[in-house]
Structures are given as structure tokens and as C-alpha cells.
């Protein structure tokens, strides 16, 4: 018996050292007792996997129904790509702690590389 939610969440990830050997529902449990299933359901690993799966499902629906999500969906592909490059440049300037004047320089470099920023 395996847990689909845990397999989907922990499939390529490694389980934390505190949980190693505790989640037999990843490899397949031969224990068919009701207590084994309820213990797994209450385990930290399963709760984390369930919370992550629920967050992924609700995020896409919430984004699509929000005003910002609707606005992004209505933009044309070229406008979306232009905004993507502008936000990427702004993120790079902020992430590296550079002065705001570097943003203009970075946009000029991006345009020199053949990207139309408008």
C-alpha cells in the first residue's frame, strides 16, 4: 500500500533526516492495519505533502480569478514578454543590491541584445 500524495510530493526529493524510515508509504507498506494508515495520515511528512498539494491547486485557481491574473491573461504575448524582461531586470537590480540607476543601464544592455523593451 502506498500514499499517492506522498509519492507525488517526495518523489524526487529526499525526506529530512528526522523522517527517514518513518514513511513506509513511499516504498509500499505491507502493514494493512487501520492504525498504520491513521498514523501515516497524522505524520508530519504526510501533512506537509498534503498542504503543499492543496496550495498548488488553490494557487492556480486564485491567480486566474484575481484582477491581476485576468489582466495578465488579457495581455498579448509580446506585451507579456516585454513585461517579463522588465521585471527580470528590476529583480536583478534589487537582488544584487545595485542602485536604481543600474536598472536603466541593464535595460539598455537588454535592448542591445536584441530584446524589444518598447
N, C-alpha and C. Protein backbone atom coordinates (compact mmCIF):
# COMPACT_ATOMS: atom_id res chain seq x y z
N UNK A 1 0.85 -1.16 0.00
CA UNK A 1 0.00 0.00 0.00
C UNK A 1 0.90 1.23 0.00
N UNK A 2 0.59 2.18 -0.89
CA UNK A 2 1.38 3.41 -0.98
C UNK A 2 0.46 4.62 -0.85
N UNK A 3 1.07 5.76 -0.60
CA UNK A 3 0.33 7.01 -0.49
C UNK A 3 0.66 7.86 -1.72
N UNK A 4 -0.34 8.08 -2.57
CA UNK A 4 -0.14 8.81 -3.81
C UNK A 4 0.33 10.24 -3.55
N UNK A 5 -0.24 10.90 -2.55
CA UNK A 5 0.13 12.28 -2.23
C UNK A 5 1.60 12.37 -1.83
N UNK A 6 2.05 11.46 -0.99
CA UNK A 6 3.44 11.48 -0.54
C UNK A 6 4.39 11.12 -1.67
N UNK A 7 4.00 10.17 -2.52
CA UNK A 7 4.85 9.80 -3.65
C UNK A 7 4.99 10.97 -4.61
N UNK A 8 3.88 11.67 -4.84
CA UNK A 8 3.91 12.82 -5.75
C UNK A 8 4.79 13.93 -5.18
N UNK A 9 4.71 14.18 -3.88
CA UNK A 9 5.46 15.27 -3.26
C UNK A 9 6.92 14.92 -3.03
N UNK A 10 7.20 13.73 -2.52
CA UNK A 10 8.56 13.33 -2.17
C UNK A 10 9.23 12.50 -3.27
N UNK A 11 8.61 12.37 -4.43
CA UNK A 11 9.12 11.50 -5.48
C UNK A 11 10.59 11.68 -5.77
N UNK A 12 11.04 12.92 -6.03
CA UNK A 12 12.44 13.17 -6.36
C UNK A 12 13.18 13.85 -5.23
N UNK A 13 12.46 14.21 -4.19
CA UNK A 13 13.08 14.90 -3.06
C UNK A 13 13.53 13.88 -2.02
N UNK A 14 14.47 14.30 -1.21
CA UNK A 14 14.87 13.44 -0.10
C UNK A 14 14.10 13.87 1.14
N UNK A 15 13.70 12.93 1.92
CA UNK A 15 12.98 13.22 3.15
C UNK A 15 13.99 13.66 4.19
N UNK A 16 13.61 14.61 5.03
CA UNK A 16 14.51 15.10 6.06
C UNK A 16 15.03 13.99 6.94
N UNK A 17 16.17 14.22 7.55
CA UNK A 17 16.82 13.17 8.35
C UNK A 17 15.93 12.70 9.50
N UNK A 18 15.07 13.56 10.00
CA UNK A 18 14.19 13.18 11.10
C UNK A 18 13.06 12.26 10.65
N UNK A 19 12.84 12.15 9.34
CA UNK A 19 11.73 11.34 8.84
C UNK A 19 12.18 10.09 8.11
N UNK A 20 13.47 9.85 8.00
CA UNK A 20 13.96 8.68 7.27
C UNK A 20 13.46 7.40 7.94
N UNK A 21 12.93 6.51 7.15
CA UNK A 21 12.44 5.23 7.66
C UNK A 21 11.05 5.32 8.26
N UNK A 22 10.52 6.52 8.43
CA UNK A 22 9.20 6.68 9.04
C UNK A 22 8.08 6.61 8.02
N UNK A 23 8.37 6.90 6.76
CA UNK A 23 7.33 6.94 5.76
C UNK A 23 7.42 5.73 4.85
N UNK A 24 6.90 4.61 5.31
CA UNK A 24 6.93 3.39 4.52
C UNK A 24 5.90 3.42 3.40
N UNK A 25 5.04 4.42 3.39
CA UNK A 25 4.03 4.52 2.35
C UNK A 25 4.60 5.07 1.05
N UNK A 26 5.88 5.44 1.03
CA UNK A 26 6.55 5.82 -0.21
C UNK A 26 6.99 4.58 -0.99
N UNK A 27 7.55 3.62 -0.29
CA UNK A 27 8.07 2.43 -0.94
C UNK A 27 7.05 1.31 -0.99
N UNK A 28 6.04 1.40 -0.16
CA UNK A 28 5.00 0.37 -0.12
C UNK A 28 4.97 -0.30 1.23
N UNK A 29 3.86 -0.17 1.91
CA UNK A 29 3.70 -0.75 3.23
C UNK A 29 2.95 -2.07 3.12
N UNK A 30 3.43 -3.05 3.86
CA UNK A 30 2.73 -4.34 3.90
C UNK A 30 1.82 -4.43 5.11
N UNK A 31 1.86 -3.42 5.97
CA UNK A 31 1.03 -3.37 7.16
C UNK A 31 -0.35 -2.85 6.76
N UNK A 32 -1.36 -3.69 6.82
CA UNK A 32 -2.70 -3.31 6.40
C UNK A 32 -3.61 -2.93 7.56
N UNK A 33 -3.04 -2.67 8.72
CA UNK A 33 -3.84 -2.29 9.88
C UNK A 33 -4.35 -0.86 9.72
N UNK A 34 -5.53 -0.62 10.29
CA UNK A 34 -6.12 0.70 10.24
C UNK A 34 -5.25 1.71 10.98
N UNK A 35 -4.60 1.27 12.06
CA UNK A 35 -3.76 2.17 12.84
C UNK A 35 -2.55 2.65 12.03
N UNK A 36 -2.03 1.81 11.15
CA UNK A 36 -0.89 2.21 10.32
C UNK A 36 -1.28 3.33 9.37
N UNK A 37 -2.47 3.22 8.80
CA UNK A 37 -2.95 4.25 7.87
C UNK A 37 -3.22 5.55 8.62
N UNK A 38 -3.87 5.45 9.78
CA UNK A 38 -4.16 6.67 10.54
C UNK A 38 -2.89 7.30 11.08
N UNK A 39 -1.90 6.49 11.47
CA UNK A 39 -0.62 7.05 11.91
C UNK A 39 0.07 7.78 10.77
N UNK A 40 0.01 7.21 9.58
CA UNK A 40 0.62 7.87 8.42
C UNK A 40 -0.10 9.17 8.11
N UNK A 41 -1.42 9.14 8.20
CA UNK A 41 -2.21 10.33 7.90
C UNK A 41 -1.88 11.48 8.85
N UNK A 42 -1.52 11.15 10.09
CA UNK A 42 -1.19 12.17 11.08
C UNK A 42 0.30 12.50 11.12
N UNK A 43 1.11 11.84 10.29
CA UNK A 43 2.56 12.08 10.31
C UNK A 43 2.88 13.44 9.70
N UNK A 44 4.00 14.01 10.14
CA UNK A 44 4.43 15.32 9.65
C UNK A 44 4.69 15.29 8.15
N UNK A 45 5.28 14.22 7.66
CA UNK A 45 5.59 14.11 6.23
C UNK A 45 4.32 14.15 5.39
N UNK A 46 3.28 13.43 5.80
CA UNK A 46 2.04 13.40 5.04
C UNK A 46 1.32 14.74 5.13
N UNK A 47 1.33 15.36 6.29
CA UNK A 47 0.68 16.66 6.46
C UNK A 47 1.36 17.70 5.57
N UNK A 48 2.69 17.69 5.52
CA UNK A 48 3.43 18.62 4.66
C UNK A 48 3.10 18.38 3.19
N UNK A 49 3.06 17.12 2.79
CA UNK A 49 2.76 16.78 1.40
C UNK A 49 1.34 17.21 1.03
N UNK A 50 0.39 16.99 1.92
CA UNK A 50 -0.99 17.37 1.67
C UNK A 50 -1.14 18.88 1.58
N UNK A 51 -0.48 19.60 2.48
CA UNK A 51 -0.55 21.07 2.46
C UNK A 51 0.05 21.63 1.18
N UNK A 52 1.15 21.06 0.74
CA UNK A 52 1.79 21.52 -0.48
C UNK A 52 0.91 21.26 -1.70
N UNK A 53 0.30 20.09 -1.75
CA UNK A 53 -0.57 19.75 -2.87
C UNK A 53 -1.79 20.67 -2.90
N UNK A 54 -2.36 20.95 -1.75
CA UNK A 54 -3.52 21.84 -1.67
C UNK A 54 -3.15 23.26 -2.09
N UNK A 55 -1.95 23.71 -1.70
CA UNK A 55 -1.51 25.05 -2.06
C UNK A 55 -1.30 25.17 -3.57
N UNK A 56 -0.77 24.13 -4.19
CA UNK A 56 -0.56 24.16 -5.64
C UNK A 56 -1.90 24.26 -6.38
N UNK A 57 -2.88 23.52 -5.92
CA UNK A 57 -4.18 23.51 -6.58
C UNK A 57 -4.90 24.84 -6.41
N UNK A 58 -4.84 25.42 -5.23
CA UNK A 58 -5.56 26.66 -4.98
C UNK A 58 -4.86 27.87 -5.60
N UNK A 59 -3.54 27.81 -5.76
CA UNK A 59 -2.81 28.95 -6.31
C UNK A 59 -3.23 29.25 -7.75
N UNK A 60 -3.29 28.25 -8.59
CA UNK A 60 -3.61 28.49 -9.99
C UNK A 60 -5.04 29.01 -10.16
N UNK A 61 -5.97 28.50 -9.37
CA UNK A 61 -7.35 28.96 -9.45
C UNK A 61 -7.48 30.38 -8.91
N UNK A 62 -6.77 30.68 -7.83
CA UNK A 62 -6.84 32.02 -7.25
C UNK A 62 -6.21 33.05 -8.17
N UNK A 63 -5.11 32.68 -8.81
CA UNK A 63 -4.45 33.60 -9.72
C UNK A 63 -5.34 33.90 -10.92
N UNK A 64 -5.96 32.88 -11.47
CA UNK A 64 -6.80 33.07 -12.65
C UNK A 64 -8.03 33.92 -12.35
N UNK A 65 -8.53 33.89 -11.13
CA UNK A 65 -9.73 34.64 -10.80
C UNK A 65 -9.44 36.03 -10.23
N UNK A 66 -8.18 36.33 -9.92
CA UNK A 66 -7.85 37.64 -9.37
C UNK A 66 -7.80 38.68 -10.48
N UNK A 67 -7.87 39.96 -10.11
CA UNK A 67 -7.82 41.03 -11.11
C UNK A 67 -6.49 41.04 -11.84
N UNK A 68 -5.40 40.85 -11.11
CA UNK A 68 -4.08 40.84 -11.74
C UNK A 68 -3.94 39.65 -12.69
N UNK A 69 -4.47 38.51 -12.30
CA UNK A 69 -4.41 37.33 -13.15
C UNK A 69 -5.20 37.52 -14.43
N UNK A 70 -6.38 38.12 -14.31
CA UNK A 70 -7.19 38.38 -15.51
C UNK A 70 -6.49 39.38 -16.42
N UNK A 71 -5.83 40.38 -15.83
CA UNK A 71 -5.11 41.36 -16.64
C UNK A 71 -3.95 40.72 -17.38
N UNK A 72 -3.22 39.82 -16.71
CA UNK A 72 -2.10 39.15 -17.36
C UNK A 72 -2.58 38.24 -18.49
N UNK A 73 -3.72 37.59 -18.30
CA UNK A 73 -4.24 36.72 -19.34
C UNK A 73 -4.71 37.51 -20.56
N UNK A 74 -5.12 38.76 -20.35
CA UNK A 74 -5.61 39.56 -21.47
C UNK A 74 -4.47 40.21 -22.26
N UNK A 75 -3.26 40.25 -21.71
CA UNK A 75 -2.13 40.84 -22.43
C UNK A 75 -1.73 39.96 -23.61
N UNK A 76 -1.25 40.59 -24.64
CA UNK A 76 -0.74 39.84 -25.78
C UNK A 76 0.63 39.28 -25.43
N UNK A 77 1.06 38.29 -26.19
CA UNK A 77 2.32 37.61 -25.93
C UNK A 77 3.50 38.57 -25.94
N UNK A 78 3.54 39.49 -26.89
CA UNK A 78 4.67 40.42 -26.98
C UNK A 78 4.71 41.34 -25.75
N UNK A 79 3.55 41.78 -25.29
CA UNK A 79 3.50 42.64 -24.09
C UNK A 79 3.94 41.86 -22.86
N UNK A 80 3.52 40.60 -22.78
CA UNK A 80 3.92 39.76 -21.64
C UNK A 80 5.42 39.54 -21.61
N UNK A 81 6.01 39.29 -22.78
CA UNK A 81 7.46 39.09 -22.84
C UNK A 81 8.21 40.37 -22.47
N UNK A 82 7.70 41.52 -22.92
CA UNK A 82 8.33 42.80 -22.58
C UNK A 82 8.28 43.03 -21.07
N UNK A 83 7.12 42.78 -20.46
CA UNK A 83 6.99 42.94 -19.01
C UNK A 83 7.87 41.94 -18.27
N UNK A 84 7.97 40.73 -18.80
CA UNK A 84 8.81 39.71 -18.17
C UNK A 84 10.26 40.19 -18.10
N UNK A 85 10.77 40.75 -19.20
CA UNK A 85 12.15 41.22 -19.22
C UNK A 85 12.34 42.43 -18.29
N UNK A 86 11.36 43.33 -18.27
CA UNK A 86 11.47 44.50 -17.38
C UNK A 86 11.48 44.08 -15.91
N UNK A 87 10.58 43.17 -15.54
CA UNK A 87 10.55 42.70 -14.16
C UNK A 87 11.79 41.88 -13.81
N UNK A 88 12.29 41.13 -14.77
CA UNK A 88 13.51 40.36 -14.54
C UNK A 88 14.69 41.30 -14.27
N UNK A 89 14.76 42.40 -15.02
CA UNK A 89 15.82 43.38 -14.79
C UNK A 89 15.66 44.04 -13.42
N UNK A 90 14.42 44.39 -13.07
CA UNK A 90 14.18 45.01 -11.76
C UNK A 90 14.54 44.05 -10.63
N UNK A 91 14.21 42.78 -10.80
CA UNK A 91 14.55 41.78 -9.79
C UNK A 91 16.05 41.65 -9.64
N UNK A 92 16.77 41.64 -10.76
CA UNK A 92 18.23 41.51 -10.72
C UNK A 92 18.87 42.68 -9.99
N UNK A 93 18.38 43.89 -10.26
CA UNK A 93 18.93 45.08 -9.60
C UNK A 93 18.66 45.01 -8.10
N UNK A 94 17.44 44.64 -7.72
CA UNK A 94 17.11 44.54 -6.29
C UNK A 94 17.83 43.41 -5.60
N UNK A 95 17.95 42.27 -6.26
CA UNK A 95 18.58 41.09 -5.66
C UNK A 95 20.06 41.33 -5.39
N UNK A 96 20.72 42.03 -6.31
CA UNK A 96 22.16 42.28 -6.16
C UNK A 96 22.45 43.55 -5.36
N UNK A 97 21.41 44.26 -4.94
CA UNK A 97 21.61 45.45 -4.12
C UNK A 97 22.25 46.60 -4.89
N UNK A 98 21.99 46.67 -6.18
CA UNK A 98 22.57 47.71 -7.02
C UNK A 98 21.71 48.97 -6.95
N UNK A 99 22.28 50.13 -7.28
CA UNK A 99 21.48 51.36 -7.29
C UNK A 99 20.46 51.34 -8.43
N UNK A 100 19.40 52.12 -8.28
CA UNK A 100 18.32 52.12 -9.26
C UNK A 100 18.80 52.61 -10.62
N UNK A 101 19.88 53.37 -10.66
CA UNK A 101 20.42 53.84 -11.94
C UNK A 101 20.93 52.67 -12.79
N UNK A 102 21.28 51.57 -12.16
CA UNK A 102 21.71 50.39 -12.91
C UNK A 102 20.55 49.75 -13.68
N UNK A 103 19.32 50.04 -13.27
CA UNK A 103 18.16 49.49 -13.97
C UNK A 103 18.12 50.01 -15.41
N UNK A 104 18.33 51.31 -15.57
CA UNK A 104 18.34 51.91 -16.90
C UNK A 104 19.45 51.31 -17.75
N UNK A 105 20.62 51.18 -17.15
CA UNK A 105 21.76 50.59 -17.86
C UNK A 105 21.44 49.15 -18.27
N UNK A 106 20.85 48.38 -17.35
CA UNK A 106 20.53 46.98 -17.64
C UNK A 106 19.48 46.86 -18.74
N UNK A 107 18.52 47.77 -18.76
CA UNK A 107 17.52 47.77 -19.84
C UNK A 107 18.17 48.09 -21.18
N UNK A 108 19.13 49.01 -21.18
CA UNK A 108 19.86 49.33 -22.42
C UNK A 108 20.65 48.12 -22.90
N UNK A 109 21.27 47.40 -21.98
CA UNK A 109 22.01 46.19 -22.35
C UNK A 109 21.06 45.14 -22.91
N UNK A 110 19.89 45.00 -22.30
CA UNK A 110 18.91 44.03 -22.78
C UNK A 110 18.46 44.37 -24.19
N UNK A 111 18.22 45.66 -24.46
CA UNK A 111 17.84 46.08 -25.81
C UNK A 111 18.98 45.85 -26.80
N UNK A 112 20.22 46.06 -26.35
CA UNK A 112 21.37 45.82 -27.23
C UNK A 112 21.49 44.34 -27.59
N UNK A 113 20.97 43.47 -26.74
CA UNK A 113 20.99 42.04 -27.02
C UNK A 113 19.86 41.61 -27.95
N UNK A 114 19.07 42.56 -28.42
CA UNK A 114 18.04 42.25 -29.40
C UNK A 114 16.65 42.06 -28.85
N UNK A 115 16.44 42.38 -27.59
CA UNK A 115 15.11 42.24 -26.98
C UNK A 115 14.42 43.60 -27.04
N UNK A 116 13.21 43.64 -27.58
CA UNK A 116 12.47 44.89 -27.70
C UNK A 116 11.75 45.17 -26.38
N UNK A 117 12.17 46.23 -25.69
CA UNK A 117 11.53 46.59 -24.42
C UNK A 117 10.56 47.75 -24.59
N UNK A 118 10.40 48.25 -25.78
CA UNK A 118 9.42 49.30 -26.04
C UNK A 118 9.91 50.64 -25.86
